Amino acid sequence: MVSQPPQDDYDEKSARQKEIEAWLPITSSRNAKWWYSAFHNVTAMVGAGVLGLPYAMSQLGWGPGITVMVLSWIITLYTLWQMVEMHEMVPGKRFDRYHELGQHAFGEKLGLYIVVPQQLIVEIGVCIVYMVTGGKSLKKFHELVCEDCKSIKLTYFIMIFASVHFVLSHLPNFNSISGVSLAAAVMSLSYSTIAWAASASKGVQEDVEYGYKAKSTAGTVFNFFSGLGDVAFAYAGHNVVLEIQATIPSTPEKPSKGPMWKGVVVAYIVVALCYFPVAFVGYYIFGNGVEDNILMSLKKPAWLIATANMFVVIHVIGSYQIYAMPVFDMMETLLVKKLNFRPTTILRFCVRSFYVAATMFLGMTFPFFGGLLAFFGGFAFAPTTYFLPCIIWLAIYKPRKYSLSWWANWVCIVFGIFLMVLSPIGGLRTIVIQAKKYTFYS
């Protein structure tokens, strides 16, 4: 009688795989409703970037500004639709993570090398930027509420903001942060509405100008590039979209793309309601004198602006969690699958605490917020949001040359590459100019 150990080994392996999948944050809980996807997407998409849109408009001007805003909205909705469609294009298999889709399109090795670095730049970049945003908004709130108080360093406010994440980051998966995410989505609508409604009630300023602010041609061109980067950053929820869809249940009769797409459409309507009024009303009222955060331009009434800043803090808490979740997933996958650690709570506690501490430290060290956005925005947001889905679509579906699908994808790719090349240039210049005046941990 010949013994058959391989089968038992195989069963043991697949049982271990299942156990690991059930422990990892992305794949552990698959009972999300369609409205979860709506508010996760709003939270991921509407960042604090919305408050910089009037400033981006002032750098772009009316014509180009409106064009870029609307084009970006349409293109990113199209690429988001592609990702939702591709989530289950192989029967019986789900691409739960962006890099799994990349690996299917470009091969095991190349897919990882193309997607993972970009996705990590985006997710870690966003987390660092949100540390700074959270800290700045808390500081602003403190200054508005208590005018006579001794001023506290931004560094300390970033620490205060991070303290929340040392607690929240231990929630295991996407469904467990849906409450945080819902609060964040509601907040984003609220402070966007405050931003444009308070601007509108102020009325157009007396000495308002809509020309370009920079004195030199070079300055104008660089500012234009930087504005492009800010807009690119505003539409960047694609890095977490497959991970969000992975939480929705799916059967061959009722695939997950139905409820997911419903959620995405709702999210995009909310995004339009947040973005367009803020960008256009804000620019119309303040012209090119608008600050890079519109709440800073609205000095009065103090209580309203303080409230809006607090809303920003709550929203950024939710956004941080949504963007951190895929990073936690990658780190935990690496430790458990490649380095064979046991999937335990202690491992998770250490990994996540380390990540929050690292992003906090980086945020405290480099808080020049705006320039960093345009810089990261161009490098990583443009590809993952504007043209990577199109390239994957072309690689897998191979549409007929010069057909509508072929043209649509190539237009997105060209527009995305244009954004990717130009916006970091403007962002880098902003960083250089701001870094001259900067002292560490001030």
Protein backbone atom coordinates (compact mmCIF):
# COMPACT_ATOMS: atom_id res chain seq x y z
CA MET A 1 0.00 0.00 0.00
CA VAL A 2 1.52 3.31 -1.07
CA SER A 3 0.84 6.21 1.29
CA GLN A 4 -0.35 9.54 -0.17
CA PRO A 5 1.08 12.35 1.92
CA PRO A 6 0.92 15.03 -0.82
CA GLN A 7 -2.90 15.25 -0.74
CA ASP A 8 -2.92 15.81 3.03
CA ASP A 9 -0.16 18.38 2.65
CA TYR A 10 -2.20 20.09 -0.01
CA ASP A 11 -5.34 20.12 2.14
CA GLU A 12 -3.33 21.47 5.03
CA LYS A 13 -1.88 24.17 2.78
CA SER A 14 -5.23 25.23 1.39
CA ALA A 15 -6.72 25.18 4.88
CA ARG A 16 -3.88 27.45 6.02
CA GLN A 17 -4.47 29.70 2.98
CA LYS A 18 -8.16 29.93 3.86
CA GLU A 19 -7.32 30.70 7.46
CA ILE A 20 -4.92 33.45 6.38
CA GLU A 21 -7.47 34.91 3.90
CA ALA A 22 -10.04 34.93 6.69
CA TRP A 23 -7.59 36.86 8.89
CA LEU A 24 -6.33 39.44 6.39
CA PRO A 25 -8.15 42.78 6.46
CA ILE A 26 -9.31 42.90 2.81
CA THR A 27 -10.71 39.40 2.43
CA SER A 28 -11.89 38.63 5.96
CA SER A 29 -15.37 40.10 5.80
CA ARG A 30 -17.52 39.85 2.69
CA ASN A 31 -20.96 40.98 3.79
CA ALA A 32 -20.94 44.68 2.84
CA LYS A 33 -24.07 46.40 1.49
CA TRP A 34 -24.02 48.60 -1.63
CA TRP A 35 -24.24 51.79 0.44
CA TYR A 36 -21.02 50.80 2.24
CA SER A 37 -19.29 51.12 -1.11
CA ALA A 38 -20.94 54.52 -1.59
CA PHE A 39 -19.59 56.06 1.58
CA HIS A 40 -16.22 54.27 1.46
CA ASN A 41 -15.78 55.74 -2.03
CA VAL A 42 -16.83 59.23 -0.95
CA THR A 43 -14.42 59.06 1.98
CA ALA A 44 -11.60 57.84 -0.23
CA MET A 45 -12.26 60.30 -3.05
CA VAL A 46 -13.26 63.59 -1.43
CA GLY A 47 -10.09 64.39 0.42
CA ALA A 48 -9.01 67.57 2.09
CA GLY A 49 -7.93 68.29 -1.50
CA VAL A 50 -11.39 69.77 -2.13
CA LEU A 51 -10.47 72.83 -0.04
CA GLY A 52 -7.53 73.49 -2.35
CA LEU A 53 -9.64 73.46 -5.51
CA PRO A 54 -10.41 77.22 -5.62
CA TYR A 55 -6.66 77.83 -5.38
CA ALA A 56 -6.04 75.31 -8.19
CA MET A 57 -8.67 77.20 -10.22
CA SER A 58 -6.79 80.45 -9.62
CA GLN A 59 -3.64 78.82 -11.02
CA LEU A 60 -5.45 77.37 -14.04
CA GLY A 61 -7.88 80.21 -14.89
CA TRP A 62 -11.56 79.90 -15.82
CA GLY A 63 -11.36 78.11 -19.19
CA PRO A 64 -8.66 75.52 -18.50
CA GLY A 65 -9.85 75.14 -14.90
CA ILE A 66 -13.42 74.16 -15.77
CA THR A 67 -12.18 71.93 -18.60
CA VAL A 68 -9.70 70.02 -16.43
CA MET A 69 -12.18 69.64 -13.55
CA VAL A 70 -14.97 68.26 -15.76
CA LEU A 71 -12.65 66.09 -17.90
CA SER A 72 -11.12 64.60 -14.76
CA TRP A 73 -14.56 63.81 -13.36
CA ILE A 74 -15.59 62.00 -16.56
CA ILE A 75 -12.30 60.17 -17.11
CA THR A 76 -11.97 58.96 -13.52
CA LEU A 77 -15.58 57.77 -13.51
CA TYR A 78 -14.82 55.79 -16.68
CA THR A 79 -11.63 54.23 -15.27
CA LEU A 80 -13.47 53.45 -12.03
CA TRP A 81 -16.15 51.65 -14.06
CA GLN A 82 -13.39 49.63 -15.75
CA MET A 83 -11.97 48.55 -12.40
CA VAL A 84 -15.40 47.54 -11.09
CA GLU A 85 -15.96 45.49 -14.28
CA MET A 86 -12.54 43.82 -14.12
CA HIS A 87 -12.91 42.75 -10.47
CA GLU A 88 -14.58 39.49 -11.51
CA MET A 89 -13.83 39.11 -15.19
CA VAL A 90 -12.29 35.65 -14.64
CA PRO A 91 -15.21 33.34 -13.68
CA GLY A 92 -14.88 32.02 -10.13
CA LYS A 93 -12.01 34.35 -9.23
CA ARG A 94 -12.00 37.79 -7.62
CA PHE A 95 -9.21 40.33 -7.90
CA ASP A 96 -9.43 41.63 -4.37
CA ARG A 97 -6.38 43.87 -4.63
CA TYR A 98 -5.08 46.28 -7.26
CA HIS A 99 -1.83 44.34 -7.72
CA GLU A 100 -3.69 41.05 -8.30
CA LEU A 101 -5.35 42.70 -11.29
CA GLY A 102 -1.95 43.99 -12.41
CA GLN A 103 -0.47 40.50 -12.12
CA HIS A 104 -3.31 39.07 -14.23
CA ALA A 105 -2.63 41.65 -16.95
CA PHE A 106 1.18 41.86 -16.96
CA GLY A 107 2.30 38.57 -15.40
CA GLU A 108 3.18 37.55 -11.83
CA LYS A 109 6.46 39.47 -11.45
CA LEU A 110 5.93 42.49 -13.68
CA GLY A 111 2.41 43.10 -12.38
CA LEU A 112 3.74 43.41 -8.84
CA TYR A 113 6.56 45.74 -9.87
CA ILE A 114 4.23 48.02 -11.83
CA VAL A 115 1.37 48.32 -9.36
CA VAL A 116 2.71 47.91 -5.82
CA PRO A 117 5.25 50.78 -5.74
CA GLN A 118 2.69 53.21 -7.15
CA GLN A 119 -0.06 52.02 -4.87
CA LEU A 120 2.23 52.31 -1.84
CA ILE A 121 3.36 55.81 -2.82
CA VAL A 122 -0.27 56.88 -3.07
CA GLU A 123 -1.49 55.23 0.11
CA ILE A 124 1.45 56.11 2.33
CA GLY A 125 1.64 59.58 0.72
CA VAL A 126 -2.02 60.20 1.49
CA CYS A 127 -1.62 58.98 5.06
CA ILE A 128 1.32 61.36 5.66
CA VAL A 129 -0.48 64.27 4.04
CA TYR A 130 -3.58 63.55 6.15
CA MET A 131 -1.48 63.55 9.32
CA VAL A 132 -0.43 67.08 8.39
CA THR A 133 -3.94 68.14 7.37
CA GLY A 134 -5.44 66.76 10.58
CA GLY A 135 -2.79 68.55 12.64
CA LYS A 136 -3.23 71.84 10.76
CA SER A 137 -7.01 71.78 11.10
CA LEU A 138 -6.77 71.04 14.84
CA LYS A 139 -4.31 73.92 15.23
CA LYS A 140 -6.64 76.25 13.31
CA PHE A 141 -9.57 75.11 15.47
CA HIS A 142 -7.55 75.80 18.62
CA GLU A 143 -6.58 79.28 17.39
CA LEU A 144 -10.18 80.18 16.48
CA VAL A 145 -11.80 78.86 19.64
CA CYS A 146 -9.24 80.22 22.05
CA GLU A 147 -7.70 83.43 20.73
CA ASP A 148 -5.78 84.37 23.90
CA CYS A 149 -4.25 80.90 24.38
CA LYS A 150 -0.54 80.35 24.02
CA SER A 151 0.11 79.02 20.54
CA ILE A 152 1.05 75.32 20.36
CA LYS A 153 3.45 73.90 17.78
CA LEU A 154 2.00 72.11 14.77
CA THR A 155 4.16 69.10 15.70
CA TYR A 156 2.13 68.57 18.87
CA PHE A 157 -1.18 68.82 17.01
CA ILE A 158 0.01 66.16 14.57
CA MET A 159 0.76 63.95 17.59
CA ILE A 160 -2.71 64.59 19.01
CA PHE A 161 -4.25 63.68 15.66
CA ALA A 162 -2.12 60.53 15.43
CA SER A 163 -3.23 59.39 18.87
CA VAL A 164 -6.70 58.67 17.44
CA HIS A 165 -5.15 56.38 14.84
CA PHE A 166 -3.16 54.41 17.37
CA VAL A 167 -6.61 53.27 18.54
CA LEU A 168 -8.63 53.13 15.30
CA SER A 169 -6.02 51.34 13.22
CA HIS A 170 -6.62 48.17 15.25
CA LEU A 171 -10.10 47.73 13.78
CA PRO A 172 -9.57 44.54 11.75
CA ASN A 173 -11.14 45.20 8.32
CA PHE A 174 -13.10 47.50 5.99
CA ASN A 175 -16.53 46.56 7.33
CA SER A 176 -15.47 47.32 10.88
CA ILE A 177 -14.53 50.88 9.90
CA SER A 178 -17.78 51.49 8.00
CA GLY A 179 -19.11 53.63 10.87
CA VAL A 180 -15.99 55.79 10.85
CA SER A 181 -16.23 55.98 7.08
CA LEU A 182 -19.91 57.02 7.10
CA ALA A 183 -19.15 59.82 9.57
CA ALA A 184 -16.28 60.92 7.33
CA ALA A 185 -18.44 60.93 4.20
CA VAL A 186 -21.13 63.04 5.91
CA MET A 187 -18.44 65.45 7.15
CA SER A 188 -16.96 65.88 3.69
CA LEU A 189 -20.35 67.00 2.33
CA SER A 190 -20.80 69.26 5.36
CA TYR A 191 -17.54 71.15 5.20
CA SER A 192 -17.70 71.42 1.40
CA THR A 193 -21.14 72.99 1.77
CA ILE A 194 -19.88 75.33 4.51
CA ALA A 195 -16.94 76.32 2.29
CA TRP A 196 -18.99 77.36 -0.74
CA ALA A 197 -22.08 78.64 1.09
CA ALA A 198 -20.03 80.86 3.40
CA SER A 199 -18.09 82.15 0.37
CA ALA A 200 -21.29 82.87 -1.52
CA SER A 201 -22.81 84.74 1.42
CA LYS A 202 -19.71 86.97 1.58
CA GLY A 203 -20.41 88.15 -1.96
CA VAL A 204 -17.78 88.91 -4.60
CA GLN A 205 -14.83 90.78 -3.03
CA GLU A 206 -14.31 94.40 -4.14
CA ASP A 207 -10.81 94.10 -5.58
CA VAL A 208 -11.34 90.66 -7.13
CA GLU A 209 -9.10 89.69 -10.07
CA TYR A 210 -9.25 86.57 -12.24
CA GLY A 211 -5.91 86.92 -14.04
CA TYR A 212 -2.84 84.85 -13.23
CA LYS A 213 -1.15 85.98 -10.03
CA ALA A 214 2.49 85.18 -10.86
CA LYS A 215 4.57 88.12 -12.10
CA SER A 216 6.73 86.14 -14.53
CA THR A 217 5.76 83.83 -17.39
CA ALA A 218 7.81 81.03 -15.81
CA GLY A 219 5.93 81.48 -12.52
CA THR A 220 2.58 81.32 -14.33
CA VAL A 221 3.54 78.13 -16.17
CA PHE A 222 4.85 76.43 -13.01
CA ASN A 223 1.71 77.43 -11.10
CA PHE A 224 -0.40 76.02 -13.93
CA PHE A 225 1.40 72.67 -13.62
CA SER A 226 0.94 72.73 -9.86
CA GLY A 227 -2.80 73.41 -10.28
CA LEU A 228 -3.03 70.35 -12.56
CA GLY A 229 -1.44 68.27 -9.80
CA ASP A 230 -3.96 69.51 -7.22
CA VAL A 231 -6.85 68.54 -9.50
CA ALA A 232 -5.30 65.13 -10.20
CA PHE A 233 -4.99 64.58 -6.46
CA ALA A 234 -8.64 65.51 -5.88
CA TYR A 235 -9.83 62.52 -7.94
CA ALA A 236 -7.87 59.67 -6.45
CA GLY A 237 -10.03 57.00 -4.95
CA HIS A 238 -8.99 54.28 -7.39
CA ASN A 239 -6.20 52.92 -5.26
CA VAL A 240 -8.64 51.39 -2.83
CA VAL A 241 -11.58 50.60 -5.11
CA LEU A 242 -10.91 46.87 -5.65
CA GLU A 243 -10.22 46.50 -1.95
CA ILE A 244 -13.60 48.10 -1.21
CA GLN A 245 -15.34 45.88 -3.77
CA ALA A 246 -13.71 42.82 -2.18
CA THR A 247 -15.93 43.34 0.88
CA ILE A 248 -19.17 42.96 -1.13
CA PRO A 249 -20.68 39.45 -1.33
CA SER A 250 -20.78 37.89 -4.79
CA THR A 251 -22.47 34.93 -6.47
CA PRO A 252 -22.50 33.96 -10.19
CA GLU A 253 -26.15 35.13 -10.39
CA LYS A 254 -25.53 38.38 -8.50
CA PRO A 255 -21.93 39.49 -9.05
CA SER A 256 -20.50 42.19 -6.80
CA LYS A 257 -20.22 44.70 -9.64
CA GLY A 258 -23.96 45.47 -9.46
CA PRO A 259 -24.09 46.83 -5.91
CA MET A 260 -20.56 48.26 -6.23
CA TRP A 261 -21.43 50.29 -9.33
CA LYS A 262 -24.59 51.58 -7.64
CA GLY A 263 -22.42 52.77 -4.75
CA VAL A 264 -19.89 54.35 -7.10
CA VAL A 265 -22.56 56.34 -8.96
CA VAL A 266 -23.97 57.69 -5.70
CA ALA A 267 -20.42 58.49 -4.57
CA TYR A 268 -19.69 60.35 -7.80
CA ILE A 269 -22.84 62.45 -7.51
CA VAL A 270 -21.74 63.42 -3.99
CA VAL A 271 -18.24 64.14 -5.32
CA ALA A 272 -19.69 66.49 -7.95
CA LEU A 273 -21.78 68.23 -5.26
CA CYS A 274 -18.65 68.69 -3.14
CA TYR A 275 -16.16 69.68 -5.83
CA PHE A 276 -17.80 71.86 -8.43
CA PRO A 277 -19.54 74.39 -6.13
CA VAL A 278 -16.44 74.76 -3.93
CA ALA A 279 -14.05 75.20 -6.85
CA PHE A 280 -16.17 77.56 -8.92
CA VAL A 281 -17.90 79.59 -6.18
CA GLY A 282 -14.67 79.93 -4.21
CA TYR A 283 -12.75 81.19 -7.22
CA TYR A 284 -15.61 83.45 -8.32
CA ILE A 285 -15.79 85.14 -4.90
CA PHE A 286 -12.10 85.51 -4.06
CA GLY A 287 -10.48 85.46 -7.50
CA ASN A 288 -6.75 84.88 -7.58
CA GLY A 289 -6.35 86.11 -3.98
CA VAL A 290 -7.78 82.85 -2.63
CA GLU A 291 -5.66 80.91 -0.09
CA ASP A 292 -4.52 77.34 -0.81
CA ASN A 293 -7.09 76.24 1.77
CA ILE A 294 -10.35 78.11 1.23
CA LEU A 295 -11.28 77.97 4.92
CA MET A 296 -8.29 80.25 5.57
CA SER A 297 -9.78 82.88 3.23
CA LEU A 298 -13.05 82.85 5.18
CA LYS A 299 -11.98 84.55 8.41
CA LYS A 300 -15.46 85.22 9.79
CA PRO A 301 -17.77 83.99 11.31
CA ALA A 302 -15.24 82.29 13.57
CA TRP A 303 -17.59 79.62 14.99
CA LEU A 304 -18.54 78.41 11.50
CA ILE A 305 -14.95 78.13 10.30
CA ALA A 306 -13.98 76.39 13.55
CA THR A 307 -16.81 73.90 12.96
CA ALA A 308 -15.69 73.32 9.38
CA ASN A 309 -12.13 72.67 10.58
CA MET A 310 -13.40 70.13 13.09
CA PHE A 311 -15.39 68.45 10.29
CA VAL A 312 -12.19 68.27 8.25
CA VAL A 313 -10.47 66.55 11.17
CA ILE A 314 -13.23 63.93 11.49
CA HIS A 315 -13.24 63.31 7.75
CA VAL A 316 -9.48 62.99 7.54
CA ILE A 317 -9.61 60.42 10.37
CA GLY A 318 -11.89 58.26 8.20
CA SER A 319 -9.85 58.79 5.03
CA TYR A 320 -6.62 57.87 6.77
CA GLN A 321 -8.15 54.56 7.82
CA ILE A 322 -9.44 53.76 4.33
CA TYR A 323 -6.05 54.39 2.75
CA ALA A 324 -4.14 52.64 5.53
CA MET A 325 -6.20 49.43 5.29
CA PRO A 326 -4.64 48.17 1.99
CA VAL A 327 -1.17 48.97 3.37
CA PHE A 328 -1.95 46.98 6.52
CA ASP A 329 -3.14 44.19 4.24
CA MET A 330 0.10 44.22 2.22
CA MET A 331 2.30 44.30 5.32
CA GLU A 332 0.36 41.53 7.04
CA THR A 333 0.28 39.41 3.85
CA LEU A 334 4.05 39.76 3.52
CA LEU A 335 4.68 38.77 7.16
CA VAL A 336 2.24 35.86 7.22
CA LYS A 337 2.59 34.38 3.72
CA LYS A 338 6.22 35.10 2.85
CA LEU A 339 7.93 35.22 6.25
CA ASN A 340 5.60 32.63 7.82
CA PHE A 341 4.65 34.55 10.95
CA ARG A 342 1.59 33.23 12.74
CA PRO A 343 -1.53 35.38 12.12
CA THR A 344 -2.01 36.70 15.64
CA THR A 345 -3.42 39.82 17.25
CA ILE A 346 -0.01 40.75 18.64
CA LEU A 347 1.51 40.73 15.14
CA ARG A 348 -1.30 42.97 13.91
CA PHE A 349 -0.90 45.32 16.88
CA CYS A 350 2.84 45.74 16.27
CA VAL A 351 2.55 46.18 12.48
CA ARG A 352 -0.19 48.79 12.64
CA SER A 353 1.26 50.76 15.54
CA PHE A 354 4.55 50.92 13.67
CA TYR A 355 2.82 52.22 10.53
CA VAL A 356 0.90 54.96 12.37
CA ALA A 357 4.08 56.02 14.18
CA ALA A 358 6.05 56.15 10.92
CA THR A 359 3.46 58.27 9.08
CA MET A 360 3.17 60.56 12.11
CA PHE A 361 6.93 61.05 12.24
CA LEU A 362 7.16 61.79 8.50
CA GLY A 363 4.23 64.20 8.72
CA MET A 364 5.90 66.09 11.58
CA THR A 365 9.18 66.27 9.68
CA PHE A 366 7.85 67.45 6.30
CA PRO A 367 4.66 69.43 6.74
CA PHE A 368 4.84 71.49 3.51
CA PHE A 369 1.45 70.24 2.56
CA GLY A 370 0.46 71.74 -0.82
CA GLY A 371 3.65 71.09 -2.77
CA LEU A 372 3.88 67.53 -1.54
CA LEU A 373 0.38 66.92 -2.88
CA ALA A 374 1.13 68.10 -6.40
CA PHE A 375 4.39 66.18 -6.36
CA PHE A 376 2.93 62.87 -5.17
CA GLY A 377 -0.23 63.60 -7.13
CA GLY A 378 1.54 63.59 -10.43
CA PHE A 379 3.85 60.67 -9.84
CA ALA A 380 1.47 58.13 -8.47
CA PHE A 381 -2.10 59.41 -8.59
CA ALA A 382 -2.18 60.11 -12.30
CA PRO A 383 -1.06 56.59 -13.31
CA THR A 384 -3.18 54.58 -10.85
CA THR A 385 -6.26 56.73 -11.42
CA TYR A 386 -6.11 57.96 -15.00
CA PHE A 387 -4.31 55.44 -17.15
CA LEU A 388 -3.25 52.22 -15.43
CA PRO A 389 -6.83 50.84 -15.55
CA CYS A 390 -6.94 51.71 -19.28
CA ILE A 391 -3.64 49.96 -20.00
CA ILE A 392 -4.83 46.87 -18.11
CA TRP A 393 -8.14 47.00 -20.02
CA LEU A 394 -6.30 47.19 -23.37
CA ALA A 395 -3.95 44.37 -22.35
CA ILE A 396 -6.76 42.03 -21.31
CA TYR A 397 -9.75 42.81 -23.54
CA LYS A 398 -7.73 43.87 -26.63
CA PRO A 399 -10.48 46.03 -28.20
CA ARG A 400 -10.48 46.49 -32.01
CA LYS A 401 -8.14 49.23 -33.24
CA TYR A 402 -9.91 52.59 -33.72
CA SER A 403 -13.10 51.29 -32.08
CA LEU A 404 -14.79 53.52 -29.47
CA SER A 405 -13.29 51.58 -26.55
CA TRP A 406 -9.82 51.80 -28.12
CA TRP A 407 -10.09 55.57 -28.60
CA ALA A 408 -11.56 56.19 -25.16
CA ASN A 409 -8.70 54.33 -23.49
CA TRP A 410 -6.00 56.05 -25.51
CA VAL A 411 -7.45 59.50 -24.78
CA CYS A 412 -7.36 58.70 -21.04
CA ILE A 413 -3.80 57.39 -21.31
CA VAL A 414 -2.56 60.51 -23.12
CA PHE A 415 -4.36 62.84 -20.68
CA GLY A 416 -2.99 60.86 -17.72
CA ILE A 417 0.60 60.87 -18.96
CA PHE A 418 0.29 64.61 -19.59
CA LEU A 419 -0.77 65.03 -15.95
CA MET A 420 1.93 62.68 -14.68
CA VAL A 421 4.74 64.55 -16.40
CA LEU A 422 3.63 68.12 -15.76
CA SER A 423 2.25 68.23 -12.22
CA PRO A 424 5.33 67.04 -10.29
CA ILE A 425 7.34 69.86 -11.92
CA GLY A 426 5.03 72.50 -10.42
CA GLY A 427 4.87 70.66 -7.10
CA LEU A 428 8.65 70.34 -6.81
CA ARG A 429 9.07 74.09 -7.38
CA THR A 430 6.52 74.83 -4.64
CA ILE A 431 8.40 72.53 -2.23
CA VAL A 432 11.72 74.20 -3.05
CA ILE A 433 10.31 77.69 -2.46
CA GLN A 434 8.63 76.70 0.82
CA ALA A 435 11.58 74.67 2.08
CA LYS A 436 13.80 77.77 1.99
CA LYS A 437 11.77 79.30 4.83
CA TYR A 438 11.28 76.07 6.75
CA THR A 439 12.78 75.05 10.08
CA PHE A 440 12.44 71.48 11.38
CA TYR A 441 9.84 70.65 14.05
CA SER A 442 8.78 74.28 14.46
